[in-house]
Amino acid sequence: MRHIFVIGIGAGDPDHLTLQAVKAIGRTDVFFILDKSEERQDLIGLRRRMLADHGRPGHRVVAAPDAERDRATPAYAAAVDDWRVRRADLVERLVAEHLGPGENGAFLVWGDPALYDSVIAVVDDVSNRGGVPFAYEVIPGISSVSALAARHRTTLTRVGRPVQITTGRRLAEGFPEGVDDVVVMLDGRAAFAGIDPEGLEIHYGAYLGTPDEVLVSGPLAEAAPRIRELRERARERKGWIMDTYLLRRSDGGSDA
């Protein structure tokens, strides 16, 4: 039986790898890397560095261009479904062609594969098709959410209060009702700048765990212009941005 690991490799610092992840990397014969756009070659390079440090002798790396997603269409859910189907087609072909019976394959996923990532769903889809039989397991990783809280020396929750994790697309529709602490991911449009800043603080982080890390915190009204300037400068320099932030109502609630 073929075996596949879906391995969370942390937010960007090679030291984010857990011992469980290191052991799984050391047991893997074939690593599948779905290349993104050219702007992110430094992330691919970081993956390869991890493999050089922890991979077993003779391991193989199979890289292929990732399926493209239509990000302009208003039919967001349909576009994501179509992208996942094409991604599953690609993964099924790669596994069939490059992973032999009895071998271990792996996908290295930034952060935690259980949080806003499609690899688990795609691998599960391929498994259910039954064309290429394999077993698989998921290795959790340090998410950008956990890294953000740690770098700002804060907690995500406060006594008796929930925390909500959402996306920039959802935040643009308005600050969620009934919660005081909101973590925002996948925000390509700086949605924090479009909401009422009254009574809100922000803990912001970009490129967490990397040499390019950007950290800003403070009242949203004061911090938002600075964050927008920093993130635009960083995007121009690198060609892409990966950021996460915590919005918190600053009403004196104590940390949990």
C-alpha atoms as a PDB file:
ATOM      1  CA  MET A   1       0.000   0.000   0.000  1.00  0.00           C
ATOM      2  CA  ARG A   2       1.225   3.478  -0.838  1.00  0.00           C
ATOM      3  CA  HIS A   3       1.209   5.972   2.034  1.00  0.00           C
ATOM      4  CA  ILE A   4       0.943   9.765   1.913  1.00  0.00           C
ATOM      5  CA  PHE A   5       1.773  12.303   4.605  1.00  0.00           C
ATOM      6  CA  VAL A   6       0.191  15.755   4.595  1.00  0.00           C
ATOM      7  CA  ILE A   7       2.763  17.581   6.704  1.00  0.00           C
ATOM      8  CA  GLY A   8       2.308  21.000   8.296  1.00  0.00           C
ATOM      9  CA  ILE A   9       5.672  22.758   8.169  1.00  0.00           C
ATOM     10  CA  GLY A  10       4.922  25.975  10.061  1.00  0.00           C
ATOM     11  CA  ALA A  11       4.551  29.609   9.125  1.00  0.00           C
ATOM     12  CA  GLY A  12       8.017  30.174   7.655  1.00  0.00           C
ATOM     13  CA  ASP A  13      10.694  29.518  10.267  1.00  0.00           C
ATOM     14  CA  PRO A  14      12.467  26.162   9.642  1.00  0.00           C
ATOM     15  CA  ASP A  15      12.481  25.711  13.429  1.00  0.00           C
ATOM     16  CA  HIS A  16       8.666  25.574  13.352  1.00  0.00           C
ATOM     17  CA  LEU A  17       8.945  21.939  12.248  1.00  0.00           C
ATOM     18  CA  THR A  18       7.674  19.649  14.986  1.00  0.00           C
ATOM     19  CA  LEU A  19       9.478  16.424  15.864  1.00  0.00           C
ATOM     20  CA  GLN A  20       6.527  14.537  14.349  1.00  0.00           C
ATOM     21  CA  ALA A  21       6.992  16.456  11.083  1.00  0.00           C
ATOM     22  CA  VAL A  22      10.743  15.825  11.070  1.00  0.00           C
ATOM     23  CA  LYS A  23      10.190  12.090  11.557  1.00  0.00           C
ATOM     24  CA  ALA A  24       7.606  11.977   8.753  1.00  0.00           C
ATOM     25  CA  ILE A  25       9.948  13.869   6.417  1.00  0.00           C
ATOM     26  CA  GLY A  26      12.683  11.367   7.263  1.00  0.00           C
ATOM     27  CA  ARG A  27      10.398   8.461   6.273  1.00  0.00           C
ATOM     28  CA  THR A  28       9.300   9.926   2.939  1.00  0.00           C
ATOM     29  CA  ASP A  29      10.504   8.635  -0.431  1.00  0.00           C
ATOM     30  CA  VAL A  30       8.795  11.183  -2.713  1.00  0.00           C
ATOM     31  CA  PHE A  31       7.915  14.809  -1.979  1.00  0.00           C
ATOM     32  CA  PHE A  32       5.283  16.438  -4.175  1.00  0.00           C
ATOM     33  CA  ILE A  33       5.651  20.214  -4.593  1.00  0.00           C
ATOM     34  CA  LEU A  34       2.911  22.115  -6.405  1.00  0.00           C
ATOM     35  CA  ASP A  35       4.745  25.186  -7.678  1.00  0.00           C
ATOM     36  CA  LYS A  36       3.032  28.526  -7.275  1.00  0.00           C
ATOM     37  CA  SER A  37       3.867  31.635  -9.288  1.00  0.00           C
ATOM     38  CA  GLU A  38       7.455  32.774  -9.715  1.00  0.00           C
ATOM     39  CA  GLU A  39       7.089  35.356  -6.927  1.00  0.00           C
ATOM     40  CA  ARG A  40       7.071  32.591  -4.369  1.00  0.00           C
ATOM     41  CA  GLN A  41      10.236  30.803  -5.384  1.00  0.00           C
ATOM     42  CA  ASP A  42      11.777  31.737  -2.026  1.00  0.00           C
ATOM     43  CA  LEU A  43       9.093  29.623  -0.309  1.00  0.00           C
ATOM     44  CA  ILE A  44       9.899  26.691  -2.571  1.00  0.00           C
ATOM     45  CA  GLY A  45      13.548  27.218  -1.692  1.00  0.00           C
ATOM     46  CA  LEU A  46      12.706  27.069   2.008  1.00  0.00           C
ATOM     47  CA  ARG A  47      10.904  23.750   1.486  1.00  0.00           C
ATOM     48  CA  ARG A  48      13.955  22.355  -0.290  1.00  0.00           C
ATOM     49  CA  ARG A  49      16.162  23.512   2.591  1.00  0.00           C
ATOM     50  CA  MET A  50      13.985  21.570   5.019  1.00  0.00           C
ATOM     51  CA  LEU A  51      14.309  18.479   2.843  1.00  0.00           C
ATOM     52  CA  ALA A  52      18.089  18.879   2.662  1.00  0.00           C
ATOM     53  CA  ASP A  53      18.239  19.057   6.465  1.00  0.00           C
ATOM     54  CA  HIS A  54      15.769  16.290   7.324  1.00  0.00           C
ATOM     55  CA  GLY A  55      15.062  14.179   4.244  1.00  0.00           C
ATOM     56  CA  ARG A  56      16.346  10.633   3.941  1.00  0.00           C
ATOM     57  CA  PRO A  57      19.195   9.906   1.502  1.00  0.00           C
ATOM     58  CA  GLY A  58      17.873   9.189  -1.979  1.00  0.00           C
ATOM     59  CA  HIS A  59      14.514  10.920  -1.524  1.00  0.00           C
ATOM     60  CA  ARG A  60      12.941  12.303  -4.683  1.00  0.00           C
ATOM     61  CA  VAL A  61      11.250  15.650  -5.328  1.00  0.00           C
ATOM     62  CA  VAL A  62       8.486  15.908  -7.921  1.00  0.00           C
ATOM     63  CA  ALA A  63       7.483  19.489  -8.757  1.00  0.00           C
ATOM     64  CA  ALA A  64       4.573  20.461 -10.999  1.00  0.00           C
ATOM     65  CA  PRO A  65       2.775  23.758 -11.754  1.00  0.00           C
ATOM     66  CA  ASP A  66      -0.225  24.119  -9.466  1.00  0.00           C
ATOM     67  CA  ALA A  67      -3.707  24.429 -10.948  1.00  0.00           C
ATOM     68  CA  GLU A  68      -4.670  28.055 -11.533  1.00  0.00           C
ATOM     69  CA  ARG A  69      -7.723  29.525  -9.838  1.00  0.00           C
ATOM     70  CA  ASP A  70     -10.001  32.227 -11.202  1.00  0.00           C
ATOM     71  CA  ARG A  71      -9.771  34.908  -8.502  1.00  0.00           C
ATOM     72  CA  ALA A  72     -11.705  37.559 -10.439  1.00  0.00           C
ATOM     73  CA  THR A  73     -15.038  35.758 -10.805  1.00  0.00           C
ATOM     74  CA  PRO A  74     -17.855  36.735  -8.422  1.00  0.00           C
ATOM     75  CA  ALA A  75     -18.843  33.034  -8.291  1.00  0.00           C
ATOM     76  CA  TYR A  76     -16.288  32.354  -5.554  1.00  0.00           C
ATOM     77  CA  ALA A  77     -17.563  28.966  -4.330  1.00  0.00           C
ATOM     78  CA  ALA A  78     -17.913  27.567  -7.840  1.00  0.00           C
ATOM     79  CA  ALA A  79     -14.401  28.751  -8.730  1.00  0.00           C
ATOM     80  CA  VAL A  80     -12.954  27.044  -5.658  1.00  0.00           C
ATOM     81  CA  ASP A  81     -14.810  23.801  -6.426  1.00  0.00           C
ATOM     82  CA  ASP A  82     -13.509  23.820 -10.007  1.00  0.00           C
ATOM     83  CA  TRP A  83      -9.955  24.543  -8.811  1.00  0.00           C
ATOM     84  CA  ARG A  84     -10.065  21.662  -6.326  1.00  0.00           C
ATOM     85  CA  VAL A  85     -11.250  19.217  -8.977  1.00  0.00           C
ATOM     86  CA  ARG A  86      -8.393  20.193 -11.278  1.00  0.00           C
ATOM     87  CA  ARG A  87      -5.973  20.018  -8.341  1.00  0.00           C
ATOM     88  CA  ALA A  88      -7.235  16.517  -7.521  1.00  0.00           C
ATOM     89  CA  ASP A  89      -6.698  15.481 -11.154  1.00  0.00           C
ATOM     90  CA  LEU A  90      -3.110  16.717 -10.914  1.00  0.00           C
ATOM     91  CA  VAL A  91      -2.426  15.006  -7.574  1.00  0.00           C
ATOM     92  CA  GLU A  92      -3.908  11.720  -8.791  1.00  0.00           C
ATOM     93  CA  ARG A  93      -1.642  11.767 -11.851  1.00  0.00           C
ATOM     94  CA  LEU A  94       1.478  12.615  -9.819  1.00  0.00           C
ATOM     95  CA  VAL A  95       0.836   9.861  -7.282  1.00  0.00           C
ATOM     96  CA  ALA A  96       0.111   7.290 -10.003  1.00  0.00           C
ATOM     97  CA  GLU A  97       3.229   8.173 -11.980  1.00  0.00           C
ATOM     98  CA  HIS A  98       5.781   8.792  -9.233  1.00  0.00           C
ATOM     99  CA  LEU A  99       4.816   6.909  -6.052  1.00  0.00           C
ATOM    100  CA  GLY A 100       5.459   3.198  -6.212  1.00  0.00           C
ATOM    101  CA  PRO A 101       3.736   0.463  -4.182  1.00  0.00           C
ATOM    102  CA  GLY A 102       5.028   0.427  -0.612  1.00  0.00           C
ATOM    103  CA  GLU A 103       6.530   3.918  -0.870  1.00  0.00           C
ATOM    104  CA  ASN A 104       5.770   6.998   1.239  1.00  0.00           C
ATOM    105  CA  GLY A 105       4.881  10.287  -0.403  1.00  0.00           C
ATOM    106  CA  ALA A 106       4.351  13.688   1.196  1.00  0.00           C
ATOM    107  CA  PHE A 107       2.913  17.142   0.612  1.00  0.00           C
ATOM    108  CA  LEU A 108       4.529  19.928   2.656  1.00  0.00           C
ATOM    109  CA  VAL A 109       1.871  22.459   3.677  1.00  0.00           C
ATOM    110  CA  TRP A 110       2.572  25.910   5.102  1.00  0.00           C
ATOM    111  CA  GLY A 111       1.238  26.429   8.607  1.00  0.00           C
ATOM    112  CA  ASP A 112      -1.321  23.848   9.694  1.00  0.00           C
ATOM    113  CA  PRO A 113      -2.979  21.864   6.867  1.00  0.00           C
ATOM    114  CA  ALA A 114      -6.245  21.799   8.831  1.00  0.00           C
ATOM    115  CA  LEU A 115      -6.616  25.609   8.700  1.00  0.00           C
ATOM    116  CA  TYR A 116      -7.584  27.302   5.405  1.00  0.00           C
ATOM    117  CA  ASP A 117      -5.785  24.859   3.134  1.00  0.00           C
ATOM    118  CA  SER A 118      -7.208  22.549   0.484  1.00  0.00           C
ATOM    119  CA  VAL A 119      -4.618  19.771   0.432  1.00  0.00           C
ATOM    120  CA  ILE A 120      -6.495  17.505   2.876  1.00  0.00           C
ATOM    121  CA  ALA A 121      -9.709  17.844   0.856  1.00  0.00           C
ATOM    122  CA  VAL A 122      -7.849  17.194  -2.395  1.00  0.00           C
ATOM    123  CA  VAL A 123      -6.013  14.117  -1.087  1.00  0.00           C
ATOM    124  CA  ASP A 124      -9.273  12.819   0.385  1.00  0.00           C
ATOM    125  CA  ASP A 125     -10.989  13.306  -2.988  1.00  0.00           C
ATOM    126  CA  VAL A 126      -8.242  11.377  -4.790  1.00  0.00           C
ATOM    127  CA  SER A 127      -8.426   8.604  -2.192  1.00  0.00           C
ATOM    128  CA  ASN A 128     -12.211   8.304  -2.617  1.00  0.00           C
ATOM    129  CA  ARG A 129     -11.855   7.989  -6.390  1.00  0.00           C
ATOM    130  CA  GLY A 130     -10.045   4.693  -5.805  1.00  0.00           C
ATOM    131  CA  GLY A 131      -7.946   4.876  -8.950  1.00  0.00           C
ATOM    132  CA  VAL A 132      -4.658   4.883  -7.009  1.00  0.00           C
ATOM    133  CA  PRO A 133      -5.085   3.129  -3.653  1.00  0.00           C
ATOM    134  CA  PHE A 134      -3.191   4.685  -0.744  1.00  0.00           C
ATOM    135  CA  ALA A 135      -3.511   5.423   2.962  1.00  0.00           C
ATOM    136  CA  TYR A 136      -2.797   8.900   4.292  1.00  0.00           C
ATOM    137  CA  GLU A 137      -2.319  10.785   7.540  1.00  0.00           C
ATOM    138  CA  VAL A 138      -2.135  14.453   8.497  1.00  0.00           C
ATOM    139  CA  ILE A 139       0.712  15.918  10.575  1.00  0.00           C
ATOM    140  CA  PRO A 140      -0.373  19.181  12.245  1.00  0.00           C
ATOM    141  CA  GLY A 141       1.866  22.228  12.045  1.00  0.00           C
ATOM    142  CA  ILE A 142       2.346  25.619  13.693  1.00  0.00           C
ATOM    143  CA  SER A 143      -0.174  27.907  12.004  1.00  0.00           C
ATOM    144  CA  SER A 144       0.380  31.559  11.195  1.00  0.00           C
ATOM    145  CA  VAL A 145      -2.355  32.240  13.755  1.00  0.00           C
ATOM    146  CA  SER A 146      -0.342  30.611  16.545  1.00  0.00           C
ATOM    147  CA  ALA A 147       2.863  32.273  15.333  1.00  0.00           C
ATOM    148  CA  LEU A 148       1.128  35.667  15.253  1.00  0.00           C
ATOM    149  CA  ALA A 149      -0.055  35.407  18.861  1.00  0.00           C
ATOM    150  CA  ALA A 150       3.352  34.212  20.032  1.00  0.00           C
ATOM    151  CA  ARG A 151       5.260  36.985  18.244  1.00  0.00           C
ATOM    152  CA  HIS A 152       2.956  39.615  19.776  1.00  0.00           C
ATOM    153  CA  ARG A 153       3.151  37.901  23.184  1.00  0.00           C
ATOM    154  CA  THR A 154      -0.618  37.695  23.514  1.00  0.00           C
ATOM    155  CA  THR A 155      -3.367  35.086  23.593  1.00  0.00           C
ATOM    156  CA  LEU A 156      -6.116  34.563  21.063  1.00  0.00           C
ATOM    157  CA  THR A 157      -8.867  34.277  23.678  1.00  0.00           C
ATOM    158  CA  ARG A 158      -9.834  36.241  26.761  1.00  0.00           C
ATOM    159  CA  VAL A 159     -11.784  35.089  29.817  1.00  0.00           C
ATOM    160  CA  GLY A 160     -15.262  33.946  28.818  1.00  0.00           C
ATOM    161  CA  ARG A 161     -14.909  35.204  25.248  1.00  0.00           C
ATOM    162  CA  PRO A 162     -14.762  33.315  21.958  1.00  0.00           C
ATOM    163  CA  VAL A 163     -12.362  34.003  19.131  1.00  0.00           C
ATOM    164  CA  GLN A 164     -13.475  33.841  15.505  1.00  0.00           C
ATOM    165  CA  ILE A 165     -11.203  33.029  12.567  1.00  0.00           C
ATOM    166  CA  THR A 166     -12.376  34.469   9.279  1.00  0.00           C
ATOM    167  CA  THR A 167     -11.126  35.762   5.936  1.00  0.00           C
ATOM    168  CA  GLY A 168     -10.557  39.215   4.510  1.00  0.00           C
ATOM    169  CA  ARG A 169     -13.446  38.595   2.120  1.00  0.00           C
ATOM    170  CA  ARG A 170     -15.804  38.082   5.070  1.00  0.00           C
ATOM    171  CA  LEU A 171     -14.397  40.949   7.127  1.00  0.00           C
ATOM    172  CA  ALA A 172     -15.104  43.292   4.216  1.00  0.00           C
ATOM    173  CA  GLU A 173     -18.795  42.564   4.824  1.00  0.00           C
ATOM    174  CA  GLY A 174     -18.468  43.973   8.363  1.00  0.00           C
ATOM    175  CA  PHE A 175     -16.988  43.163  11.748  1.00  0.00           C
ATOM    176  CA  PRO A 176     -18.625  39.905  12.976  1.00  0.00           C
ATOM    177  CA  GLU A 177     -21.380  40.339  15.525  1.00  0.00           C
ATOM    178  CA  GLY A 178     -21.212  38.757  18.958  1.00  0.00           C
ATOM    179  CA  VAL A 179     -17.419  38.433  19.168  1.00  0.00           C
ATOM    180  CA  ASP A 180     -14.705  40.778  20.376  1.00  0.00           C
ATOM    181  CA  ASP A 181     -11.628  38.934  19.072  1.00  0.00           C
ATOM    182  CA  VAL A 182     -11.331  38.162  15.353  1.00  0.00           C
ATOM    183  CA  VAL A 183      -8.375  36.605  13.538  1.00  0.00           C
ATOM    184  CA  VAL A 184      -8.271  37.451   9.830  1.00  0.00           C
ATOM    185  CA  MET A 185      -6.443  35.421   7.177  1.00  0.00           C
ATOM    186  CA  LEU A 186      -6.324  35.461   3.369  1.00  0.00           C
ATOM    187  CA  ASP A 187      -6.837  39.224   3.184  1.00  0.00           C
ATOM    188  CA  GLY A 188      -5.546  40.415  -0.166  1.00  0.00           C
ATOM    189  CA  ARG A 189      -7.291  43.792  -0.013  1.00  0.00           C
ATOM    190  CA  ALA A 190      -6.471  45.207   3.450  1.00  0.00           C
ATOM    191  CA  ALA A 191     -10.049  44.798   4.660  1.00  0.00           C
ATOM    192  CA  PHE A 192      -9.051  46.103   8.114  1.00  0.00           C
ATOM    193  CA  ALA A 193      -8.788  49.598   6.604  1.00  0.00           C
ATOM    194  CA  GLY A 194     -12.451  49.592   5.595  1.00  0.00           C
ATOM    195  CA  ILE A 195     -14.105  48.917   8.935  1.00  0.00           C
ATOM    196  CA  ASP A 196     -14.974  51.328  11.754  1.00  0.00           C
ATOM    197  CA  PRO A 197     -11.786  51.471  13.878  1.00  0.00           C
ATOM    198  CA  GLU A 198     -13.500  52.825  16.982  1.00  0.00           C
ATOM    199  CA  GLY A 199     -12.483  50.755  20.020  1.00  0.00           C
ATOM    200  CA  LEU A 200     -10.423  48.239  18.006  1.00  0.00           C
ATOM    201  CA  GLU A 201      -6.790  47.222  18.381  1.00  0.00           C
ATOM    202  CA  ILE A 202      -4.815  45.261  15.803  1.00  0.00           C
ATOM    203  CA  HIS A 203      -1.953  42.793  16.114  1.00  0.00           C
ATOM    204  CA  TYR A 204      -0.580  42.405  12.588  1.00  0.00           C
ATOM    205  CA  GLY A 205       2.038  40.081  11.138  1.00  0.00           C
ATOM    206  CA  ALA A 206       3.358  39.418   7.628  1.00  0.00           C
ATOM    207  CA  TYR A 207       5.904  36.806   6.462  1.00  0.00           C
ATOM    208  CA  LEU A 208       5.833  35.408   9.993  1.00  0.00           C
ATOM    209  CA  GLY A 209       8.918  33.431  10.948  1.00  0.00           C
ATOM    210  CA  THR A 210      10.956  34.629   7.963  1.00  0.00           C
ATOM    211  CA  PRO A 211      13.729  37.232   7.649  1.00  0.00           C
ATOM    212  CA  ASP A 212      11.158  39.564   6.019  1.00  0.00           C
ATOM    213  CA  GLU A 213       8.797  39.457   9.019  1.00  0.00           C
ATOM    214  CA  VAL A 214       6.686  42.569   9.633  1.00  0.00           C
ATOM    215  CA  LEU A 215       5.021  43.151  13.021  1.00  0.00           C
ATOM    216  CA  VAL A 216       2.744  46.067  13.963  1.00  0.00           C
ATOM    217  CA  SER A 217       0.327  46.487  16.857  1.00  0.00           C
ATOM    218  CA  GLY A 218      -1.738  49.285  18.348  1.00  0.00           C
ATOM    219  CA  PRO A 219      -5.089  51.048  18.026  1.00  0.00           C
ATOM    220  CA  LEU A 220      -6.483  50.286  14.577  1.00  0.00           C
ATOM    221  CA  ALA A 221      -7.111  53.949  13.754  1.00  0.00           C
ATOM    222  CA  GLU A 222      -3.416  54.746  14.264  1.00  0.00           C
ATOM    223  CA  ALA A 223      -1.903  51.500  12.958  1.00  0.00           C
ATOM    224  CA  ALA A 224      -3.971  50.980   9.783  1.00  0.00           C
ATOM    225  CA  PRO A 225      -2.221  53.638   7.637  1.00  0.00           C
ATOM    226  CA  ARG A 226       1.218  52.378   8.671  1.00  0.00           C
ATOM    227  CA  ILE A 227       0.280  48.753   7.982  1.00  0.00           C
ATOM    228  CA  ARG A 228      -1.080  49.623   4.536  1.00  0.00           C
ATOM    229  CA  GLU A 229       2.142  51.436   3.677  1.00  0.00           C
ATOM    230  CA  LEU A 230       4.361  48.604   4.964  1.00  0.00           C
ATOM    231  CA  ARG A 231       2.396  45.865   3.222  1.00  0.00           C
ATOM    232  CA  GLU A 232       2.357  47.707  -0.114  1.00  0.00           C
ATOM    233  CA  ARG A 233       6.091  48.298   0.119  1.00  0.00           C
ATOM    234  CA  ALA A 234       6.645  44.633   0.944  1.00  0.00           C
ATOM    235  CA  ARG A 235       4.362  43.469  -1.872  1.00  0.00           C
ATOM    236  CA  GLU A 236       6.229  45.626  -4.373  1.00  0.00           C
ATOM    237  CA  ARG A 237       9.565  44.258  -3.166  1.00  0.00           C
ATOM    238  CA  LYS A 238       8.629  40.576  -3.043  1.00  0.00           C
ATOM    239  CA  GLY A 239       5.699  40.373  -5.464  1.00  0.00           C
ATOM    240  CA  TRP A 240       3.385  38.697  -2.926  1.00  0.00           C
ATOM    241  CA  ILE A 241       2.241  38.972   0.677  1.00  0.00           C
ATOM    242  CA  MET A 242       1.273  36.455   3.349  1.00  0.00           C
ATOM    243  CA  ASP A 243      -0.215  38.166   6.391  1.00  0.00           C
ATOM    244  CA  THR A 244      -2.480  37.483   9.346  1.00  0.00           C
ATOM    245  CA  TYR A 245      -3.882  39.752  12.021  1.00  0.00           C
ATOM    246  CA  LEU A 246      -5.939  39.819  15.214  1.00  0.00           C
ATOM    247  CA  LEU A 247      -8.576  42.514  15.678  1.00  0.00           C
ATOM    248  CA  ARG A 248      -9.582  43.020  19.301  1.00  0.00           C
ATOM    249  CA  ARG A 249     -12.072  45.271  21.030  1.00  0.00           C
ATOM    250  CA  SER A 250      -9.976  47.260  23.508  1.00  0.00           C
ATOM    251  CA  ASP A 251     -12.390  47.404  26.398  1.00  0.00           C
ATOM    252  CA  GLY A 252     -10.026  46.199  29.091  1.00  0.00           C
ATOM    253  CA  GLY A 253     -10.909  42.489  29.034  1.00  0.00           C
ATOM    254  CA  SER A 254      -8.205  40.311  30.596  1.00  0.00           C
ATOM    255  CA  ASP A 255      -6.402  37.538  28.763  1.00  0.00           C
ATOM    256  CA  ALA A 256      -7.439  33.940  29.461  1.00  0.00           C
END
